């Protein structure tokens, strides 16, 4: 999805929200991100690392690729 498409989708979502509290929370979140120094770590990554990280994040939205928490806990019990 391009930046233009993301902006358009975001605008459409926001336009449909009638809940003032939710809009305020979204506003605060966006302002916090803008004003904070978050992103410093991400910006320090190479372009390849950024691509891999973003691809992983996108893949995490596909439930067929997720592993049940109980399975993870069993597998890594000795380290937890």
N, C-alpha and C. Protein backbone atom coordinates (compact mmCIF):
# COMPACT_ATOMS: atom_id res chain seq x y z
N UNK A 1 0.85 -1.17 0.00
CA UNK A 1 0.00 0.00 0.00
C UNK A 1 0.90 1.24 0.00
N UNK A 2 0.57 2.20 -0.83
CA UNK A 2 1.38 3.41 -0.91
C UNK A 2 1.03 4.37 0.22
N UNK A 3 1.88 5.35 0.40
CA UNK A 3 1.63 6.38 1.42
C UNK A 3 0.31 7.08 1.13
N UNK A 4 0.07 7.37 -0.12
CA UNK A 4 -1.18 8.05 -0.51
C UNK A 4 -2.41 7.20 -0.15
N UNK A 5 -2.32 5.88 -0.41
CA UNK A 5 -3.43 4.98 -0.08
C UNK A 5 -3.62 4.88 1.43
N UNK A 6 -2.51 4.80 2.16
CA UNK A 6 -2.60 4.74 3.62
C UNK A 6 -3.26 5.98 4.18
N UNK A 7 -2.84 7.14 3.69
CA UNK A 7 -3.46 8.40 4.14
C UNK A 7 -4.95 8.42 3.84
N UNK A 8 -5.29 8.02 2.62
CA UNK A 8 -6.68 8.02 2.22
C UNK A 8 -7.51 7.10 3.11
N UNK A 9 -7.00 5.90 3.35
CA UNK A 9 -7.71 4.95 4.22
C UNK A 9 -7.85 5.49 5.63
N UNK A 10 -6.79 6.09 6.13
CA UNK A 10 -6.83 6.66 7.48
C UNK A 10 -7.86 7.78 7.56
N UNK A 11 -7.86 8.65 6.57
CA UNK A 11 -8.84 9.74 6.54
C UNK A 11 -10.27 9.19 6.54
N UNK A 12 -10.50 8.16 5.73
CA UNK A 12 -11.83 7.57 5.65
C UNK A 12 -12.25 6.97 6.98
N UNK A 13 -11.33 6.28 7.64
CA UNK A 13 -11.64 5.70 8.95
C UNK A 13 -11.98 6.78 9.97
N UNK A 14 -11.18 7.82 10.00
CA UNK A 14 -11.39 8.89 10.97
C UNK A 14 -12.71 9.60 10.71
N UNK A 15 -13.04 9.80 9.44
CA UNK A 15 -14.30 10.49 9.10
C UNK A 15 -15.53 9.73 9.60
N UNK A 16 -15.42 8.41 9.75
CA UNK A 16 -16.56 7.60 10.19
C UNK A 16 -16.69 7.52 11.71
N UNK A 17 -15.68 7.96 12.44
CA UNK A 17 -15.72 7.88 13.90
C UNK A 17 -16.56 9.02 14.47
N UNK A 18 -17.55 8.66 15.27
CA UNK A 18 -18.41 9.65 15.91
C UNK A 18 -18.09 9.81 17.39
N UNK A 19 -17.31 8.89 17.94
CA UNK A 19 -16.99 8.88 19.36
C UNK A 19 -15.87 9.89 19.64
N UNK A 20 -16.23 10.96 20.37
CA UNK A 20 -15.26 12.03 20.65
C UNK A 20 -14.08 11.52 21.47
N UNK A 21 -14.35 10.62 22.41
CA UNK A 21 -13.29 10.09 23.25
C UNK A 21 -12.27 9.29 22.42
N UNK A 22 -12.79 8.49 21.50
CA UNK A 22 -11.90 7.72 20.63
C UNK A 22 -11.09 8.64 19.73
N UNK A 23 -11.73 9.66 19.15
CA UNK A 23 -11.02 10.62 18.32
C UNK A 23 -9.92 11.33 19.11
N UNK A 24 -10.24 11.68 20.32
CA UNK A 24 -9.27 12.34 21.18
C UNK A 24 -8.08 11.42 21.46
N UNK A 25 -8.35 10.15 21.72
CA UNK A 25 -7.29 9.18 21.98
C UNK A 25 -6.40 9.01 20.75
N UNK A 26 -7.01 8.96 19.58
CA UNK A 26 -6.24 8.84 18.34
C UNK A 26 -5.37 10.09 18.15
N UNK A 27 -5.97 11.23 18.38
CA UNK A 27 -5.23 12.50 18.27
C UNK A 27 -4.03 12.50 19.21
N UNK A 28 -4.26 12.13 20.46
CA UNK A 28 -3.18 12.11 21.45
C UNK A 28 -2.08 11.14 21.04
N UNK A 29 -2.47 9.98 20.53
CA UNK A 29 -1.49 8.99 20.09
C UNK A 29 -0.64 9.55 18.96
N UNK A 30 -1.28 10.17 17.98
CA UNK A 30 -0.54 10.73 16.85
C UNK A 30 0.37 11.87 17.28
N UNK A 31 -0.10 12.69 18.19
CA UNK A 31 0.73 13.79 18.67
C UNK A 31 1.90 13.27 19.49
N UNK A 32 1.67 12.23 20.27
CA UNK A 32 2.73 11.64 21.08
C UNK A 32 3.84 11.11 20.17
N UNK A 33 3.46 10.41 19.13
CA UNK A 33 4.44 9.86 18.20
C UNK A 33 5.22 10.98 17.53
N UNK A 34 4.52 12.05 17.18
CA UNK A 34 5.15 13.18 16.51
C UNK A 34 6.15 13.86 17.43
N UNK A 35 5.78 14.01 18.68
CA UNK A 35 6.60 14.78 19.61
C UNK A 35 7.68 13.95 20.28
N UNK A 36 7.55 12.63 20.28
CA UNK A 36 8.51 11.79 20.98
C UNK A 36 9.72 11.49 20.10
N UNK A 37 10.70 10.89 20.68
CA UNK A 37 11.88 10.50 19.93
C UNK A 37 11.78 9.05 19.49
N UNK A 38 10.57 8.48 19.60
CA UNK A 38 10.38 7.12 19.14
C UNK A 38 10.67 7.07 17.66
N UNK A 39 11.13 5.96 17.22
CA UNK A 39 11.50 5.81 15.83
C UNK A 39 13.00 5.92 15.65
N UNK A 40 13.69 6.33 16.71
CA UNK A 40 15.14 6.46 16.64
C UNK A 40 15.77 5.10 16.34
N UNK A 41 15.30 4.07 17.02
CA UNK A 41 15.82 2.73 16.78
C UNK A 41 15.51 2.27 15.36
N UNK A 42 14.24 2.46 14.94
CA UNK A 42 13.84 2.05 13.60
C UNK A 42 14.69 2.78 12.55
N UNK A 43 14.89 4.05 12.75
CA UNK A 43 15.67 4.84 11.79
C UNK A 43 17.13 4.43 11.76
N UNK A 44 17.60 3.77 12.82
CA UNK A 44 18.99 3.33 12.84
C UNK A 44 19.19 2.02 12.09
N UNK A 45 18.10 1.37 11.70
CA UNK A 45 18.19 0.10 10.98
C UNK A 45 18.57 0.33 9.52
N UNK A 46 19.17 -0.69 8.93
CA UNK A 46 19.45 -0.62 7.49
C UNK A 46 18.13 -0.76 6.73
N UNK A 47 18.16 -0.43 5.46
CA UNK A 47 16.93 -0.54 4.65
C UNK A 47 16.45 -1.98 4.60
N UNK A 48 17.36 -2.93 4.53
CA UNK A 48 16.98 -4.35 4.51
C UNK A 48 16.32 -4.75 5.83
N UNK A 49 16.88 -4.30 6.95
CA UNK A 49 16.31 -4.61 8.26
C UNK A 49 14.92 -4.00 8.39
N UNK A 50 14.76 -2.78 7.91
CA UNK A 50 13.44 -2.13 7.95
C UNK A 50 12.43 -2.93 7.14
N UNK A 51 12.83 -3.36 5.94
CA UNK A 51 11.92 -4.15 5.09
C UNK A 51 11.52 -5.44 5.79
N UNK A 52 12.49 -6.12 6.39
CA UNK A 52 12.20 -7.38 7.08
C UNK A 52 11.27 -7.16 8.27
N UNK A 53 11.52 -6.11 9.02
CA UNK A 53 10.69 -5.80 10.18
C UNK A 53 9.26 -5.49 9.75
N UNK A 54 9.10 -4.66 8.73
CA UNK A 54 7.76 -4.30 8.25
C UNK A 54 7.05 -5.50 7.65
N UNK A 55 7.79 -6.37 6.96
CA UNK A 55 7.18 -7.59 6.41
C UNK A 55 6.71 -8.50 7.53
N UNK A 56 7.50 -8.60 8.59
CA UNK A 56 7.12 -9.43 9.75
C UNK A 56 5.87 -8.87 10.41
N UNK A 57 5.82 -7.55 10.55
CA UNK A 57 4.65 -6.92 11.17
C UNK A 57 3.41 -7.18 10.32
N UNK A 58 3.54 -7.06 9.02
CA UNK A 58 2.41 -7.31 8.12
C UNK A 58 1.95 -8.77 8.22
N UNK A 59 2.92 -9.68 8.27
CA UNK A 59 2.62 -11.11 8.36
C UNK A 59 1.90 -11.43 9.68
N UNK A 60 2.19 -10.67 10.71
CA UNK A 60 1.59 -10.93 12.02
C UNK A 60 0.08 -10.69 12.03
N UNK A 61 -0.42 -10.01 11.01
CA UNK A 61 -1.87 -9.76 10.92
C UNK A 61 -2.61 -10.93 10.28
N UNK A 62 -1.87 -11.89 9.75
CA UNK A 62 -2.46 -13.08 9.13
C UNK A 62 -2.52 -14.18 10.20
N UNK A 63 -3.71 -14.47 10.68
CA UNK A 63 -3.86 -15.42 11.78
C UNK A 63 -3.35 -16.81 11.44
N UNK A 64 -3.29 -17.15 10.18
CA UNK A 64 -2.80 -18.49 9.82
C UNK A 64 -1.30 -18.64 10.07
N UNK A 65 -0.60 -17.53 10.25
CA UNK A 65 0.84 -17.59 10.51
C UNK A 65 1.18 -17.49 11.99
N UNK A 66 0.18 -17.32 12.83
CA UNK A 66 0.43 -17.14 14.25
C UNK A 66 0.53 -18.47 14.98
N UNK A 67 1.28 -18.48 16.07
CA UNK A 67 1.44 -19.67 16.90
C UNK A 67 0.74 -19.40 18.22
N UNK A 68 -0.02 -20.38 18.69
CA UNK A 68 -0.75 -20.25 19.94
C UNK A 68 0.21 -19.99 21.09
N UNK A 69 -0.16 -19.10 21.99
CA UNK A 69 0.69 -18.74 23.12
C UNK A 69 1.08 -19.95 23.96
N UNK A 70 0.17 -20.89 24.17
CA UNK A 70 0.48 -22.10 24.96
C UNK A 70 1.60 -22.90 24.31
N UNK A 71 1.58 -22.99 22.97
CA UNK A 71 2.64 -23.71 22.26
C UNK A 71 3.99 -23.03 22.46
N UNK A 72 4.00 -21.72 22.37
CA UNK A 72 5.24 -20.97 22.56
C UNK A 72 5.76 -21.16 23.99
N UNK A 73 4.87 -21.10 24.95
CA UNK A 73 5.27 -21.24 26.35
C UNK A 73 5.86 -22.64 26.60
N UNK A 74 5.27 -23.67 26.00
CA UNK A 74 5.80 -25.04 26.16
C UNK A 74 7.18 -25.14 25.53
N UNK A 75 7.31 -24.60 24.33
CA UNK A 75 8.55 -24.73 23.58
C UNK A 75 9.71 -24.01 24.27
N UNK A 76 9.43 -22.86 24.87
CA UNK A 76 10.50 -22.05 25.45
C UNK A 76 10.45 -21.99 26.97
N UNK A 77 9.81 -22.99 27.56
CA UNK A 77 9.64 -23.02 29.02
C UNK A 77 10.97 -22.94 29.75
N UNK A 78 11.97 -23.63 29.25
CA UNK A 78 13.25 -23.64 29.97
C UNK A 78 13.93 -22.28 29.99
N UNK A 79 13.58 -21.38 29.06
CA UNK A 79 14.18 -20.05 29.05
C UNK A 79 13.32 -19.00 29.76
N UNK A 80 12.09 -19.36 30.06
CA UNK A 80 11.18 -18.37 30.65
C UNK A 80 11.16 -18.46 32.17
